[in-house]
Amino acid sequence: MDTPVDARLIEEARTYRLRFACPDCVHFEPETETCSNGYPSEPHRERALVPGSIVLFCKSFELV
């Protein structure tokens, strides 16, 4: 899901310690840097929230 990054999202991510990137997901295989579900991991690896950018949330994300 594409979500625009704004000040509110940045503040809520900081306040609630939002985790959303592949390296934080149980399905991420660090040795191969791939998703065990077969989803592309590259679009989901970025952890920085930059105002005006878009963050891509994965529908299969499960916190480690």
C-alpha atoms as a PDB file:
ATOM      1  CA  MET A   1       0.000   0.000   0.000  1.00  0.00           C
ATOM      2  CA  ASP A   2       1.454   3.361  -1.054  1.00  0.00           C
ATOM      3  CA  THR A   3       1.179   5.929   1.730  1.00  0.00           C
ATOM      4  CA  PRO A   4       2.232   9.575   1.447  1.00  0.00           C
ATOM      5  CA  VAL A   5       4.705  10.635   4.121  1.00  0.00           C
ATOM      6  CA  ASP A   6       3.658  13.724   6.018  1.00  0.00           C
ATOM      7  CA  ALA A   7       4.451  15.258   9.415  1.00  0.00           C
ATOM      8  CA  ARG A   8       1.671  13.276  11.102  1.00  0.00           C
ATOM      9  CA  LEU A   9       2.977   9.903   9.860  1.00  0.00           C
ATOM     10  CA  ILE A  10       6.513  10.809  10.913  1.00  0.00           C
ATOM     11  CA  GLU A  11       5.356  11.814  14.394  1.00  0.00           C
ATOM     12  CA  GLU A  12       3.183   8.706  14.826  1.00  0.00           C
ATOM     13  CA  ALA A  13       6.000   6.451  13.601  1.00  0.00           C
ATOM     14  CA  ARG A  14       8.308   8.014  16.165  1.00  0.00           C
ATOM     15  CA  THR A  15       5.754   7.934  18.981  1.00  0.00           C
ATOM     16  CA  TYR A  16       4.591   4.358  18.415  1.00  0.00           C
ATOM     17  CA  ARG A  17       7.921   3.008  17.083  1.00  0.00           C
ATOM     18  CA  LEU A  18       6.310   1.962  13.818  1.00  0.00           C
ATOM     19  CA  ARG A  19       8.218  -0.784  12.037  1.00  0.00           C
ATOM     20  CA  PHE A  20       7.428  -1.444   8.393  1.00  0.00           C
ATOM     21  CA  ALA A  21      10.596  -2.285   6.462  1.00  0.00           C
ATOM     22  CA  CYS A  22      11.582  -5.753   5.265  1.00  0.00           C
ATOM     23  CA  PRO A  23      14.461  -6.135   7.740  1.00  0.00           C
ATOM     24  CA  ASP A  24      11.872  -5.832  10.548  1.00  0.00           C
ATOM     25  CA  CYS A  25       9.660  -8.581   9.086  1.00  0.00           C
ATOM     26  CA  VAL A  26       9.644 -12.265   9.976  1.00  0.00           C
ATOM     27  CA  HIS A  27       9.426 -13.150   6.269  1.00  0.00           C
ATOM     28  CA  PHE A  28      12.696 -11.382   5.386  1.00  0.00           C
ATOM     29  CA  GLU A  29      15.689 -13.647   4.769  1.00  0.00           C
ATOM     30  CA  PRO A  30      18.752 -11.513   5.660  1.00  0.00           C
ATOM     31  CA  GLU A  31      21.241 -13.917   4.102  1.00  0.00           C
ATOM     32  CA  THR A  32      19.691 -13.572   0.644  1.00  0.00           C
ATOM     33  CA  GLU A  33      17.882 -10.236   1.254  1.00  0.00           C
ATOM     34  CA  THR A  34      14.681 -11.779  -0.101  1.00  0.00           C
ATOM     35  CA  CYS A  35      11.131 -12.349   1.092  1.00  0.00           C
ATOM     36  CA  SER A  36      10.203 -15.925   1.991  1.00  0.00           C
ATOM     37  CA  ASN A  37       6.754 -15.228   0.490  1.00  0.00           C
ATOM     38  CA  GLY A  38       8.324 -14.328  -2.848  1.00  0.00           C
ATOM     39  CA  TYR A  39       7.433 -10.627  -2.738  1.00  0.00           C
ATOM     40  CA  PRO A  40       9.985  -8.123  -4.012  1.00  0.00           C
ATOM     41  CA  SER A  41      11.863  -6.752  -1.015  1.00  0.00           C
ATOM     42  CA  GLU A  42      13.629  -3.790  -2.608  1.00  0.00           C
ATOM     43  CA  PRO A  43      10.605  -1.419  -2.480  1.00  0.00           C
ATOM     44  CA  HIS A  44      10.102  -2.215   1.218  1.00  0.00           C
ATOM     45  CA  ARG A  45      13.632  -1.902   2.571  1.00  0.00           C
ATOM     46  CA  GLU A  46      13.758   1.841   3.093  1.00  0.00           C
ATOM     47  CA  ARG A  47      13.285   2.784   6.750  1.00  0.00           C
ATOM     48  CA  ALA A  48      13.638   6.563   6.444  1.00  0.00           C
ATOM     49  CA  LEU A  49      10.458   8.614   6.344  1.00  0.00           C
ATOM     50  CA  VAL A  50      11.037  11.699   4.219  1.00  0.00           C
ATOM     51  CA  PRO A  51       8.275  14.329   4.024  1.00  0.00           C
ATOM     52  CA  GLY A  52       6.694  14.381   0.575  1.00  0.00           C
ATOM     53  CA  SER A  53       7.856  10.888  -0.319  1.00  0.00           C
ATOM     54  CA  ILE A  54       5.829   7.686  -0.519  1.00  0.00           C
ATOM     55  CA  VAL A  55       6.324   4.712   1.782  1.00  0.00           C
ATOM     56  CA  LEU A  56       5.243   1.303   0.556  1.00  0.00           C
ATOM     57  CA  PHE A  57       3.656  -0.901   3.223  1.00  0.00           C
ATOM     58  CA  CYS A  58       3.593  -4.660   2.555  1.00  0.00           C
ATOM     59  CA  LYS A  59       0.336  -6.537   3.022  1.00  0.00           C
ATOM     60  CA  SER A  60       2.180  -9.561   4.465  1.00  0.00           C
ATOM     61  CA  PHE A  61       4.355  -7.719   6.989  1.00  0.00           C
ATOM     62  CA  GLU A  62       4.682  -9.516  10.320  1.00  0.00           C
ATOM     63  CA  LEU A  63       6.851  -8.036  13.036  1.00  0.00           C
ATOM     64  CA  VAL A  64       9.780 -10.187  14.119  1.00  0.00           C
END
